[in-house]
C-alpha atoms as a PDB file:
ATOM      1  CA  MET A   1     -38.499  17.802  -1.297  1.00  0.00           C
ATOM      2  CA  SER A   2     -38.415  17.455  -5.055  1.00  0.00           C
ATOM      3  CA  LYS A   3     -37.359  14.237  -6.770  1.00  0.00           C
ATOM      4  CA  LYS A   4     -34.533  16.115  -8.502  1.00  0.00           C
ATOM      5  CA  ARG A   5     -33.145  17.393  -5.188  1.00  0.00           C
ATOM      6  CA  LEU A   6     -33.462  13.950  -3.582  1.00  0.00           C
ATOM      7  CA  ALA A   7     -31.630  12.374  -6.534  1.00  0.00           C
ATOM      8  CA  GLY A   8     -28.861  14.974  -6.157  1.00  0.00           C
ATOM      9  CA  ILE A   9     -28.477  14.178  -2.466  1.00  0.00           C
ATOM     10  CA  ILE A  10     -28.314  10.433  -3.171  1.00  0.00           C
ATOM     11  CA  VAL A  11     -25.656  10.929  -5.882  1.00  0.00           C
ATOM     12  CA  GLY A  12     -23.690  13.176  -3.514  1.00  0.00           C
ATOM     13  CA  CYS A  13     -23.794  10.541  -0.774  1.00  0.00           C
ATOM     14  CA  VAL A  14     -22.614   7.823  -3.168  1.00  0.00           C
ATOM     15  CA  ILE A  15     -19.677  10.011  -4.239  1.00  0.00           C
ATOM     16  CA  VAL A  16     -18.704  10.711  -0.616  1.00  0.00           C
ATOM     17  CA  ILE A  17     -18.931   7.018   0.336  1.00  0.00           C
ATOM     18  CA  ALA A  18     -16.810   6.053  -2.688  1.00  0.00           C
ATOM     19  CA  ALA A  19     -14.216   8.690  -1.775  1.00  0.00           C
ATOM     20  CA  ILE A  20     -14.028   7.459   1.830  1.00  0.00           C
ATOM     21  CA  GLY A  21     -13.633   3.886   0.594  1.00  0.00           C
ATOM     22  CA  THR A  22     -10.763   4.977  -1.624  1.00  0.00           C
ATOM     23  CA  LEU A  23      -9.065   6.873   1.206  1.00  0.00           C
ATOM     24  CA  LEU A  24      -9.438   3.981   3.622  1.00  0.00           C
ATOM     25  CA  GLY A  25      -8.470   1.256   1.163  1.00  0.00           C
ATOM     26  CA  PRO A  26      -5.215  -0.680   0.763  1.00  0.00           C
ATOM     27  CA  LYS A  27      -3.317   2.238  -0.814  1.00  0.00           C
ATOM     28  CA  ALA A  28      -3.906   4.382   2.293  1.00  0.00           C
ATOM     29  CA  VAL A  29      -1.906   2.111   4.645  1.00  0.00           C
ATOM     30  CA  THR A  30       1.852   2.463   4.181  1.00  0.00           C
ATOM     31  CA  ASP A  31       3.346   2.601   7.692  1.00  0.00           C
ATOM     32  CA  TYR A  32       2.511   2.355  11.382  1.00  0.00           C
ATOM     33  CA  SER A  33       0.930   5.811  11.633  1.00  0.00           C
ATOM     34  CA  THR A  34      -1.277   5.396   8.539  1.00  0.00           C
ATOM     35  CA  LEU A  35      -2.384   1.992   9.826  1.00  0.00           C
ATOM     36  CA  LEU A  36      -3.483   3.613  13.087  1.00  0.00           C
ATOM     37  CA  ARG A  37      -5.271   6.361  11.139  1.00  0.00           C
ATOM     38  CA  TYR A  38      -7.052   3.720   9.028  1.00  0.00           C
ATOM     39  CA  LEU A  39      -8.116   1.776  12.125  1.00  0.00           C
ATOM     40  CA  ARG A  40      -9.465   4.886  13.870  1.00  0.00           C
ATOM     41  CA  ALA A  41     -11.397   5.876  10.741  1.00  0.00           C
ATOM     42  CA  SER A  42     -12.833   2.348  10.565  1.00  0.00           C
ATOM     43  CA  GLY A  43     -14.539   2.886  13.902  1.00  0.00           C
ATOM     44  CA  VAL A  44     -12.863   0.085  15.839  1.00  0.00           C
ATOM     45  CA  SER A  45     -11.547   0.500  19.358  1.00  0.00           C
ATOM     46  CA  ILE A  46      -7.738   0.503  19.380  1.00  0.00           C
ATOM     47  CA  ARG A  47      -5.081   0.571  22.045  1.00  0.00           C
ATOM     48  CA  GLU A  48      -1.536   0.953  20.820  1.00  0.00           C
ATOM     49  CA  GLU A  49       1.489  -0.227  22.686  1.00  0.00           C
ATOM     50  CA  GLY A  50       3.930   1.530  20.356  1.00  0.00           C
ATOM     51  CA  LEU A  51       6.881   0.374  18.295  1.00  0.00           C
ATOM     52  CA  THR A  52       9.117  -1.574  20.627  1.00  0.00           C
ATOM     53  CA  GLY A  53      10.391  -5.026  21.427  1.00  0.00           C
ATOM     54  CA  PRO A  54      12.005  -7.932  19.595  1.00  0.00           C
ATOM     55  CA  SER A  55      11.018  -8.624  16.031  1.00  0.00           C
ATOM     56  CA  LEU A  56      10.429 -11.646  13.821  1.00  0.00           C
ATOM     57  CA  PHE A  57      12.227  -9.712  11.108  1.00  0.00           C
ATOM     58  CA  TYR A  58      15.853  -8.596  11.180  1.00  0.00           C
ATOM     59  CA  TYR A  59      15.410  -5.022   9.959  1.00  0.00           C
ATOM     60  CA  ALA A  60      12.095  -4.096  11.569  1.00  0.00           C
ATOM     61  CA  VAL A  61      10.833  -2.531  14.763  1.00  0.00           C
ATOM     62  CA  ARG A  62       7.850  -4.347  16.260  1.00  0.00           C
ATOM     63  CA  GLY A  63       4.700  -2.712  17.560  1.00  0.00           C
ATOM     64  CA  LEU A  64       1.624  -4.162  19.220  1.00  0.00           C
ATOM     65  CA  VAL A  65      -1.890  -2.918  18.605  1.00  0.00           C
ATOM     66  CA  GLU A  66      -5.052  -4.152  20.294  1.00  0.00           C
ATOM     67  CA  ILE A  67      -8.141  -3.873  18.090  1.00  0.00           C
ATOM     68  CA  ASP A  68     -11.481  -4.516  19.796  1.00  0.00           C
ATOM     69  CA  GLY A  69      -9.619  -6.733  22.284  1.00  0.00           C
ATOM     70  CA  ILE A  70      -7.636  -8.661  19.637  1.00  0.00           C
ATOM     71  CA  HIS A  71      -3.880  -8.208  19.207  1.00  0.00           C
ATOM     72  CA  ILE A  72      -1.961  -7.718  15.982  1.00  0.00           C
ATOM     73  CA  GLN A  73       1.756  -7.185  15.572  1.00  0.00           C
ATOM     74  CA  VAL A  74       3.104  -4.494  13.271  1.00  0.00           C
ATOM     75  CA  TYR A  75       6.642  -4.650  11.894  1.00  0.00           C
ATOM     76  CA  GLU A  76       7.860  -1.344  10.483  1.00  0.00           C
ATOM     77  CA  PHE A  77      10.910  -1.148   8.209  1.00  0.00           C
ATOM     78  CA  ALA A  78      13.052   1.818   7.180  1.00  0.00           C
ATOM     79  CA  ASN A  79      11.794   1.505   3.583  1.00  0.00           C
ATOM     80  CA  ALA A  80       9.575  -0.574   1.293  1.00  0.00           C
ATOM     81  CA  GLU A  81      12.556  -2.381  -0.260  1.00  0.00           C
ATOM     82  CA  ASP A  82      13.656  -3.784   3.127  1.00  0.00           C
ATOM     83  CA  MET A  83      10.065  -4.800   3.858  1.00  0.00           C
ATOM     84  CA  GLU A  84       9.708  -6.630   0.528  1.00  0.00           C
ATOM     85  CA  ALA A  85      13.066  -8.373   0.992  1.00  0.00           C
ATOM     86  CA  GLU A  86      12.019  -9.625   4.426  1.00  0.00           C
ATOM     87  CA  ALA A  87       8.497 -10.568   3.250  1.00  0.00           C
ATOM     88  CA  SER A  88      10.010 -12.736   0.506  1.00  0.00           C
ATOM     89  CA  GLY A  89      11.534 -14.919   3.235  1.00  0.00           C
ATOM     90  CA  VAL A  90       8.162 -15.856   4.766  1.00  0.00           C
ATOM     91  CA  SER A  91       7.033 -19.348   3.745  1.00  0.00           C
ATOM     92  CA  PRO A  92       3.561 -19.584   2.168  1.00  0.00           C
ATOM     93  CA  ASP A  93       2.079 -21.041   5.372  1.00  0.00           C
ATOM     94  CA  GLY A  94       3.946 -18.566   7.607  1.00  0.00           C
ATOM     95  CA  SER A  95       5.752 -21.276   9.590  1.00  0.00           C
ATOM     96  CA  ILE A  96       9.304 -20.405   8.439  1.00  0.00           C
ATOM     97  CA  ILE A  97      10.976 -17.036   8.074  1.00  0.00           C
ATOM     98  CA  THR A  98      14.325 -17.086   6.284  1.00  0.00           C
ATOM     99  CA  LYS A  99      16.917 -14.385   5.793  1.00  0.00           C
ATOM    100  CA  GLU A 100      19.645 -14.520   3.171  1.00  0.00           C
ATOM    101  CA  TRP A 101      22.785 -12.550   3.948  1.00  0.00           C
ATOM    102  CA  GLY A 102      24.886 -11.117   1.117  1.00  0.00           C
ATOM    103  CA  ASP A 103      27.733 -13.588   1.720  1.00  0.00           C
ATOM    104  CA  GLY A 104      25.738 -16.661   0.679  1.00  0.00           C
ATOM    105  CA  LYS A 105      24.829 -17.520   4.262  1.00  0.00           C
ATOM    106  CA  GLY A 106      21.400 -17.332   5.779  1.00  0.00           C
ATOM    107  CA  SER A 107      19.266 -18.159   8.744  1.00  0.00           C
ATOM    108  CA  ALA A 108      15.793 -19.486   9.357  1.00  0.00           C
ATOM    109  CA  LYS A 109      13.240 -19.154  12.149  1.00  0.00           C
ATOM    110  CA  HIS A 110      10.800 -22.061  12.504  1.00  0.00           C
ATOM    111  CA  ILE A 111       7.603 -20.980  14.233  1.00  0.00           C
ATOM    112  CA  GLU A 112       4.870 -23.085  15.806  1.00  0.00           C
ATOM    113  CA  TRP A 113       1.929 -20.683  16.055  1.00  0.00           C
ATOM    114  CA  ILE A 114      -0.676 -21.071  18.815  1.00  0.00           C
ATOM    115  CA  ASP A 115      -3.403 -20.387  16.225  1.00  0.00           C
ATOM    116  CA  THR A 116      -3.746 -19.646  12.499  1.00  0.00           C
ATOM    117  CA  PRO A 117      -1.191 -17.077  11.235  1.00  0.00           C
ATOM    118  CA  HIS A 118      -2.099 -14.331   8.760  1.00  0.00           C
ATOM    119  CA  PHE A 119       0.559 -12.060   7.191  1.00  0.00           C
ATOM    120  CA  TYR A 120      -0.289  -8.772   5.446  1.00  0.00           C
ATOM    121  CA  LYS A 121       1.990  -6.138   3.947  1.00  0.00           C
ATOM    122  CA  ALA A 122       1.922  -2.636   2.494  1.00  0.00           C
ATOM    123  CA  GLY A 123       4.417   0.181   2.094  1.00  0.00           C
ATOM    124  CA  ARG A 124       6.935  -0.206   4.928  1.00  0.00           C
ATOM    125  CA  ILE A 125       4.999  -2.586   7.200  1.00  0.00           C
ATOM    126  CA  ILE A 126       4.181  -6.231   7.690  1.00  0.00           C
ATOM    127  CA  VAL A 127       1.263  -7.059   9.991  1.00  0.00           C
ATOM    128  CA  THR A 128       0.671 -10.420  11.598  1.00  0.00           C
ATOM    129  CA  TYR A 129      -2.592 -11.572  13.097  1.00  0.00           C
ATOM    130  CA  ILE A 130      -2.733 -14.944  14.828  1.00  0.00           C
ATOM    131  CA  GLY A 131      -6.306 -16.196  15.060  1.00  0.00           C
ATOM    132  CA  ASN A 132      -9.513 -16.821  13.144  1.00  0.00           C
ATOM    133  CA  ASN A 133     -11.778 -13.882  13.958  1.00  0.00           C
ATOM    134  CA  CYS A 134     -13.660 -13.169  10.715  1.00  0.00           C
ATOM    135  CA  SER A 135     -14.175  -9.489  11.549  1.00  0.00           C
ATOM    136  CA  MET A 136     -10.441  -9.001  12.149  1.00  0.00           C
ATOM    137  CA  ILE A 137      -9.514 -10.788   8.933  1.00  0.00           C
ATOM    138  CA  SER A 138     -12.015  -8.654   7.010  1.00  0.00           C
ATOM    139  CA  LEU A 139     -10.666  -5.449   8.580  1.00  0.00           C
ATOM    140  CA  LEU A 140      -7.084  -6.377   7.678  1.00  0.00           C
ATOM    141  CA  GLU A 141      -8.019  -7.449   4.145  1.00  0.00           C
ATOM    142  CA  ASN A 142      -9.766  -4.111   3.639  1.00  0.00           C
ATOM    143  CA  ALA A 143      -6.579  -2.345   4.738  1.00  0.00           C
ATOM    144  CA  PHE A 144      -4.004  -4.540   2.959  1.00  0.00           C
ATOM    145  CA  GLY A 145      -5.714  -6.800   0.442  1.00  0.00           C
ATOM    146  CA  LYS A 146      -5.337 -10.570   0.671  1.00  0.00           C
ATOM    147  CA  GLN A 147      -2.753 -12.000   3.026  1.00  0.00           C
ATOM    148  CA  PHE A 148       0.615 -12.787   1.404  1.00  0.00           C
ATOM    149  CA  ALA A 149       1.365 -15.696   3.734  1.00  0.00           C
ATOM    150  CA  GLY A 150      -0.364 -17.767   6.376  1.00  0.00           C
ATOM    151  CA  MET A 151      -3.123 -20.311   6.498  1.00  0.00           C
END
């Protein structure tokens, strides 16, 4: 194989890897289905339990996903504006979630986590991971960027 052909193959591989990284990066995750697509493309083992159950957030549906044996919770909102409004009520350490109602009243949920909370957001979803697994944190940071709340 000639050096020129080998160089062409290497450049082609770099372009493909860069394109995959762009497709799988933070901009690719915007809702529950794109999160699942991202996770599958990342090569992890997932088991989804669907969007169901009570929610930490007033205007979200909660879903559970098991990733390589570790659980995350996904909160999906009708739109990005509702998600951002709810995310703004999460305290920096993730221990309090407040909701302001339009009439000047509000409510607050005080949470004592069993382990370290991590909150991520993108598009119409907020994801929580409770734990300290470095691989899980790295996977979520690759999907969402740095956590917006938690410890």
